[in-house]
């Protein structure tokens, strides 16, 4: 997984404490906190962010080709 805040790449399956220890939702917490910055990443949003990034890249390329 790549942290959306700091860009650090890590294996979320190797984290000892993958969820938030302070939120009170220990068993139902679906966030994976980055070991570097602590940002809570949502695994289910990875596909959406990937789609948005691809769309932004296509728009950039289209803008460059029209100039």
PDB file of N, CA and C in Angstrom:
ATOM      1  N   UNK A   1       0.841  -1.170   0.000  1.00  0.00           N
ATOM      2  CA  UNK A   1       0.000   0.000   0.000  1.00  0.00           C
ATOM      3  C   UNK A   1       0.888   1.235   0.000  1.00  0.00           C
ATOM      4  N   UNK A   2       0.419   2.265  -0.676  1.00  0.00           N
ATOM      5  CA  UNK A   2       1.141   3.530  -0.697  1.00  0.00           C
ATOM      6  C   UNK A   2       0.324   4.560   0.077  1.00  0.00           C
ATOM      7  N   UNK A   3       0.946   5.188   1.049  1.00  0.00           N
ATOM      8  CA  UNK A   3       0.264   6.187   1.860  1.00  0.00           C
ATOM      9  C   UNK A   3      -0.115   7.383   0.996  1.00  0.00           C
ATOM     10  N   UNK A   4      -1.379   7.787   1.074  1.00  0.00           N
ATOM     11  CA  UNK A   4      -1.843   8.918   0.281  1.00  0.00           C
ATOM     12  C   UNK A   4      -1.398  10.260   0.860  1.00  0.00           C
ATOM     13  N   UNK A   5      -0.883  10.264   2.060  1.00  0.00           N
ATOM     14  CA  UNK A   5      -0.417  11.514   2.664  1.00  0.00           C
ATOM     15  C   UNK A   5       1.059  11.761   2.369  1.00  0.00           C
ATOM     16  N   UNK A   6       1.914  10.770   2.664  1.00  0.00           N
ATOM     17  CA  UNK A   6       3.357  10.998   2.535  1.00  0.00           C
ATOM     18  C   UNK A   6       4.006  10.226   1.390  1.00  0.00           C
ATOM     19  N   UNK A   7       3.280   9.264   0.777  1.00  0.00           N
ATOM     20  CA  UNK A   7       3.818   8.515  -0.345  1.00  0.00           C
ATOM     21  C   UNK A   7       4.646   7.298   0.035  1.00  0.00           C
ATOM     22  N   UNK A   8       4.789   7.034   1.320  1.00  0.00           N
ATOM     23  CA  UNK A   8       5.569   5.884   1.786  1.00  0.00           C
ATOM     24  C   UNK A   8       4.863   4.587   1.389  1.00  0.00           C
ATOM     25  N   UNK A   9       5.629   3.638   0.827  1.00  0.00           N
ATOM     26  CA  UNK A   9       5.058   2.349   0.442  1.00  0.00           C
ATOM     27  C   UNK A   9       5.367   1.314   1.514  1.00  0.00           C
ATOM     28  N   UNK A  10       4.340   0.549   1.905  1.00  0.00           N
ATOM     29  CA  UNK A  10       4.497  -0.461   2.946  1.00  0.00           C
ATOM     30  C   UNK A  10       3.523  -1.604   2.702  1.00  0.00           C
ATOM     31  N   UNK A  11       3.796  -2.747   3.313  1.00  0.00           N
ATOM     32  CA  UNK A  11       2.916  -3.908   3.209  1.00  0.00           C
ATOM     33  C   UNK A  11       1.958  -3.874   4.392  1.00  0.00           C
ATOM     34  N   UNK A  12       0.707  -3.601   4.116  1.00  0.00           N
ATOM     35  CA  UNK A  12      -0.274  -3.478   5.199  1.00  0.00           C
ATOM     36  C   UNK A  12      -0.521  -4.798   5.912  1.00  0.00           C
ATOM     37  N   UNK A  13      -0.198  -5.912   5.280  1.00  0.00           N
ATOM     38  CA  UNK A  13      -0.398  -7.220   5.908  1.00  0.00           C
ATOM     39  C   UNK A  13       0.679  -7.537   6.940  1.00  0.00           C
ATOM     40  N   UNK A  14       1.793  -6.810   6.897  1.00  0.00           N
ATOM     41  CA  UNK A  14       2.881  -7.053   7.841  1.00  0.00           C
ATOM     42  C   UNK A  14       2.854  -6.130   9.052  1.00  0.00           C
ATOM     43  N   UNK A  15       1.875  -5.245   9.121  1.00  0.00           N
ATOM     44  CA  UNK A  15       1.779  -4.328  10.258  1.00  0.00           C
ATOM     45  C   UNK A  15       1.214  -5.057  11.468  1.00  0.00           C
ATOM     46  N   UNK A  16       1.823  -4.847  12.623  1.00  0.00           N
ATOM     47  CA  UNK A  16       1.337  -5.473  13.850  1.00  0.00           C
ATOM     48  C   UNK A  16      -0.001  -4.879  14.265  1.00  0.00           C
ATOM     49  N   UNK A  17      -0.106  -3.570  14.250  1.00  0.00           N
ATOM     50  CA  UNK A  17      -1.327  -2.890  14.682  1.00  0.00           C
ATOM     51  C   UNK A  17      -1.873  -2.109  13.492  1.00  0.00           C
ATOM     52  N   UNK A  18      -2.591  -2.775  12.649  1.00  0.00           N
ATOM     53  CA  UNK A  18      -3.020  -2.210  11.377  1.00  0.00           C
ATOM     54  C   UNK A  18      -4.096  -1.145  11.550  1.00  0.00           C
ATOM     55  N   UNK A  19      -4.997  -1.289  12.490  1.00  0.00           N
ATOM     56  CA  UNK A  19      -6.076  -0.328  12.685  1.00  0.00           C
ATOM     57  C   UNK A  19      -5.718   0.734  13.694  1.00  0.00           C
ATOM     58  N   UNK A  20      -6.613   1.650  13.866  1.00  0.00           N
ATOM     59  CA  UNK A  20      -6.413   2.751  14.809  1.00  0.00           C
ATOM     60  C   UNK A  20      -6.589   2.254  16.234  1.00  0.00           C
ATOM     61  N   UNK A  21      -5.632   2.520  17.069  1.00  0.00           N
ATOM     62  CA  UNK A  21      -5.736   2.091  18.461  1.00  0.00           C
ATOM     63  C   UNK A  21      -6.488   3.109  19.306  1.00  0.00           C
ATOM     64  N   UNK A  22      -6.708   4.296  18.785  1.00  0.00           N
ATOM     65  CA  UNK A  22      -7.349   5.339  19.575  1.00  0.00           C
ATOM     66  C   UNK A  22      -8.798   5.604  19.185  1.00  0.00           C
ATOM     67  N   UNK A  23      -9.283   4.984  18.127  1.00  0.00           N
ATOM     68  CA  UNK A  23     -10.618   5.338  17.650  1.00  0.00           C
ATOM     69  C   UNK A  23     -11.729   4.606  18.385  1.00  0.00           C
ATOM     70  N   UNK A  24     -11.430   3.515  19.063  1.00  0.00           N
ATOM     71  CA  UNK A  24     -12.461   2.772  19.776  1.00  0.00           C
ATOM     72  C   UNK A  24     -13.157   1.731  18.912  1.00  0.00           C
ATOM     73  N   UNK A  25     -12.837   1.660  17.642  1.00  0.00           N
ATOM     74  CA  UNK A  25     -13.441   0.686  16.730  1.00  0.00           C
ATOM     75  C   UNK A  25     -12.419  -0.400  16.385  1.00  0.00           C
ATOM     76  N   UNK A  26     -11.714  -0.898  17.358  1.00  0.00           N
ATOM     77  CA  UNK A  26     -10.588  -1.801  17.109  1.00  0.00           C
ATOM     78  C   UNK A  26     -10.931  -2.953  16.177  1.00  0.00           C
ATOM     79  N   UNK A  27     -12.052  -3.616  16.367  1.00  0.00           N
ATOM     80  CA  UNK A  27     -12.369  -4.773  15.536  1.00  0.00           C
ATOM     81  C   UNK A  27     -13.018  -4.377  14.218  1.00  0.00           C
ATOM     82  N   UNK A  28     -13.651  -3.213  14.145  1.00  0.00           N
ATOM     83  CA  UNK A  28     -14.332  -2.803  12.926  1.00  0.00           C
ATOM     84  C   UNK A  28     -13.588  -1.720  12.160  1.00  0.00           C
ATOM     85  N   UNK A  29     -12.401  -1.360  12.607  1.00  0.00           N
ATOM     86  CA  UNK A  29     -11.648  -0.290  11.969  1.00  0.00           C
ATOM     87  C   UNK A  29     -11.067  -0.801  10.655  1.00  0.00           C
ATOM     88  N   UNK A  30     -11.374  -0.124   9.553  1.00  0.00           N
ATOM     89  CA  UNK A  30     -10.858  -0.559   8.259  1.00  0.00           C
ATOM     90  C   UNK A  30      -9.728   0.328   7.760  1.00  0.00           C
ATOM     91  N   UNK A  31      -9.282   1.247   8.593  1.00  0.00           N
ATOM     92  CA  UNK A  31      -8.164   2.100   8.203  1.00  0.00           C
ATOM     93  C   UNK A  31      -6.846   1.373   8.433  1.00  0.00           C
ATOM     94  N   UNK A  32      -5.902   1.658   7.555  1.00  0.00           N
ATOM     95  CA  UNK A  32      -4.543   1.137   7.720  1.00  0.00           C
ATOM     96  C   UNK A  32      -3.658   2.352   7.904  1.00  0.00           C
ATOM     97  N   UNK A  33      -3.072   2.478   9.096  1.00  0.00           N
ATOM     98  CA  UNK A  33      -2.274   3.651   9.407  1.00  0.00           C
ATOM     99  C   UNK A  33      -0.840   3.487   8.916  1.00  0.00           C
ATOM    100  N   UNK A  34      -0.357   4.503   8.238  1.00  0.00           N
ATOM    101  CA  UNK A  34       0.996   4.510   7.708  1.00  0.00           C
ATOM    102  C   UNK A  34       1.996   4.458   8.859  1.00  0.00           C
ATOM    103  N   UNK A  35       2.986   3.546   8.766  1.00  0.00           N
ATOM    104  CA  UNK A  35       3.982   3.470   9.838  1.00  0.00           C
ATOM    105  C   UNK A  35       4.906   4.684   9.876  1.00  0.00           C
ATOM    106  N   UNK A  36       4.955   5.462   8.804  1.00  0.00           N
ATOM    107  CA  UNK A  36       5.828   6.635   8.775  1.00  0.00           C
ATOM    108  C   UNK A  36       5.125   7.868   9.343  1.00  0.00           C
ATOM    109  N   UNK A  37       3.941   8.205   8.828  1.00  0.00           N
ATOM    110  CA  UNK A  37       3.295   9.457   9.235  1.00  0.00           C
ATOM    111  C   UNK A  37       2.044   9.268  10.077  1.00  0.00           C
ATOM    112  N   UNK A  38       1.503   8.045  10.131  1.00  0.00           N
ATOM    113  CA  UNK A  38       0.326   7.782  10.950  1.00  0.00           C
ATOM    114  C   UNK A  38      -1.004   8.064  10.264  1.00  0.00           C
ATOM    115  N   UNK A  39      -0.998   8.491   9.011  1.00  0.00           N
ATOM    116  CA  UNK A  39      -2.234   8.800   8.300  1.00  0.00           C
ATOM    117  C   UNK A  39      -3.058   7.531   8.122  1.00  0.00           C
ATOM    118  N   UNK A  40      -4.360   7.626   8.341  1.00  0.00           N
ATOM    119  CA  UNK A  40      -5.269   6.495   8.183  1.00  0.00           C
ATOM    120  C   UNK A  40      -5.720   6.349   6.746  1.00  0.00           C
ATOM    121  N   UNK A  41      -5.208   5.348   6.065  1.00  0.00           N
ATOM    122  CA  UNK A  41      -5.562   5.074   4.676  1.00  0.00           C
ATOM    123  C   UNK A  41      -6.703   4.062   4.631  1.00  0.00           C
ATOM    124  N   UNK A  42      -7.652   4.261   3.744  1.00  0.00           N
ATOM    125  CA  UNK A  42      -8.762   3.338   3.562  1.00  0.00           C
ATOM    126  C   UNK A  42      -8.472   2.457   2.353  1.00  0.00           C
ATOM    127  N   UNK A  43      -8.296   1.147   2.544  1.00  0.00           N
ATOM    128  CA  UNK A  43      -7.968   0.254   1.431  1.00  0.00           C
ATOM    129  C   UNK A  43      -8.999   0.272   0.308  1.00  0.00           C
ATOM    130  N   UNK A  44     -10.280   0.433   0.645  1.00  0.00           N
ATOM    131  CA  UNK A  44     -11.314   0.405  -0.387  1.00  0.00           C
ATOM    132  C   UNK A  44     -11.277   1.630  -1.294  1.00  0.00           C
ATOM    133  N   UNK A  45     -10.576   2.669  -0.894  1.00  0.00           N
ATOM    134  CA  UNK A  45     -10.487   3.866  -1.728  1.00  0.00           C
ATOM    135  C   UNK A  45      -9.345   3.804  -2.738  1.00  0.00           C
ATOM    136  N   UNK A  46      -8.497   2.781  -2.651  1.00  0.00           N
ATOM    137  CA  UNK A  46      -7.360   2.666  -3.569  1.00  0.00           C
ATOM    138  C   UNK A  46      -7.793   2.666  -5.023  1.00  0.00           C
ATOM    139  N   UNK A  47      -8.846   1.923  -5.352  1.00  0.00           N
ATOM    140  CA  UNK A  47      -9.314   1.864  -6.733  1.00  0.00           C
ATOM    141  C   UNK A  47      -9.821   3.225  -7.197  1.00  0.00           C
ATOM    142  N   UNK A  48     -10.534   3.924  -6.326  1.00  0.00           N
ATOM    143  CA  UNK A  48     -11.039   5.248  -6.693  1.00  0.00           C
ATOM    144  C   UNK A  48      -9.900   6.229  -6.931  1.00  0.00           C
ATOM    145  N   UNK A  49      -8.896   6.222  -6.077  1.00  0.00           N
ATOM    146  CA  UNK A  49      -7.762   7.119  -6.247  1.00  0.00           C
ATOM    147  C   UNK A  49      -6.985   6.780  -7.518  1.00  0.00           C
ATOM    148  N   UNK A  50      -6.864   5.483  -7.811  1.00  0.00           N
ATOM    149  CA  UNK A  50      -6.165   5.069  -9.029  1.00  0.00           C
ATOM    150  C   UNK A  50      -6.908   5.587 -10.258  1.00  0.00           C
ATOM    151  N   UNK A  51      -8.235   5.481 -10.260  1.00  0.00           N
ATOM    152  CA  UNK A  51      -9.035   5.979 -11.368  1.00  0.00           C
ATOM    153  C   UNK A  51      -8.877   7.489 -11.526  1.00  0.00           C
ATOM    154  N   UNK A  52      -8.931   8.208 -10.421  1.00  0.00           N
ATOM    155  CA  UNK A  52      -8.802   9.669 -10.462  1.00  0.00           C
ATOM    156  C   UNK A  52      -7.418  10.067 -10.987  1.00  0.00           C
ATOM    157  N   UNK A  53      -6.376   9.397 -10.532  1.00  0.00           N
ATOM    158  CA  UNK A  53      -5.020   9.703 -11.003  1.00  0.00           C
ATOM    159  C   UNK A  53      -4.869   9.436 -12.492  1.00  0.00           C
ATOM    160  N   UNK A  54      -5.440   8.332 -12.976  1.00  0.00           N
ATOM    161  CA  UNK A  54      -5.383   8.034 -14.418  1.00  0.00           C
ATOM    162  C   UNK A  54      -6.137   9.092 -15.212  1.00  0.00           C
ATOM    163  N   UNK A  55      -7.288   9.513 -14.721  1.00  0.00           N
ATOM    164  CA  UNK A  55      -8.085  10.536 -15.387  1.00  0.00           C
ATOM    165  C   UNK A  55      -7.331  11.861 -15.436  1.00  0.00           C
ATOM    166  N   UNK A  56      -6.698  12.241 -14.336  1.00  0.00           N
ATOM    167  CA  UNK A  56      -5.915  13.476 -14.304  1.00  0.00           C
ATOM    168  C   UNK A  56      -4.765  13.429 -15.301  1.00  0.00           C
ATOM    169  N   UNK A  57      -4.106  12.282 -15.405  1.00  0.00           N
ATOM    170  CA  UNK A  57      -2.998  12.125 -16.344  1.00  0.00           C
ATOM    171  C   UNK A  57      -3.491  12.248 -17.789  1.00  0.00           C
ATOM    172  N   UNK A  58      -4.627  11.653 -18.087  1.00  0.00           N
ATOM    173  CA  UNK A  58      -5.192  11.758 -19.437  1.00  0.00           C
ATOM    174  C   UNK A  58      -5.527  13.209 -19.775  1.00  0.00           C
ATOM    175  N   UNK A  59      -6.083  13.922 -18.816  1.00  0.00           N
ATOM    176  CA  UNK A  59      -6.418  15.325 -19.042  1.00  0.00           C
ATOM    177  C   UNK A  59      -5.155  16.162 -19.254  1.00  0.00           C
ATOM    178  N   UNK A  60      -4.101  15.882 -18.490  1.00  0.00           N
ATOM    179  CA  UNK A  60      -2.832  16.597 -18.670  1.00  0.00           C
ATOM    180  C   UNK A  60      -2.266  16.342 -20.066  1.00  0.00           C
ATOM    181  N   UNK A  61      -2.271  15.079 -20.479  1.00  0.00           N
ATOM    182  CA  UNK A  61      -1.757  14.723 -21.799  1.00  0.00           C
ATOM    183  C   UNK A  61      -2.583  15.365 -22.912  1.00  0.00           C
ATOM    184  N   UNK A  62      -3.876  15.418 -22.729  1.00  0.00           N
ATOM    185  CA  UNK A  62      -4.749  16.031 -23.723  1.00  0.00           C
ATOM    186  C   UNK A  62      -4.475  17.529 -23.830  1.00  0.00           C
ATOM    187  N   UNK A  63      -4.277  18.153 -22.669  1.00  0.00           N
ATOM    188  CA  UNK A  63      -3.992  19.595 -22.659  1.00  0.00           C
ATOM    189  C   UNK A  63      -2.649  19.888 -23.341  1.00  0.00           C
ATOM    190  N   UNK A  64      -1.642  19.037 -23.099  1.00  0.00           N
ATOM    191  CA  UNK A  64      -0.326  19.222 -23.712  1.00  0.00           C
ATOM    192  C   UNK A  64      -0.417  19.048 -25.235  1.00  0.00           C
ATOM    193  N   UNK A  65      -1.209  18.118 -25.691  1.00  0.00           N
ATOM    194  CA  UNK A  65      -1.289  17.863 -27.129  1.00  0.00           C
ATOM    195  C   UNK A  65      -2.058  18.947 -27.884  1.00  0.00           C
ATOM    196  N   UNK A  66      -2.925  19.696 -27.199  1.00  0.00           N
ATOM    197  CA  UNK A  66      -3.687  20.769 -27.850  1.00  0.00           C
ATOM    198  C   UNK A  66      -2.920  22.090 -27.861  1.00  0.00           C
ATOM    199  N   UNK A  67      -1.874  22.184 -27.081  1.00  0.00           N
ATOM    200  CA  UNK A  67      -1.089  23.430 -27.021  1.00  0.00           C
ATOM    201  C   UNK A  67      -0.046  23.482 -28.084  1.00  0.00           C
TER     202      UNK A  67
END
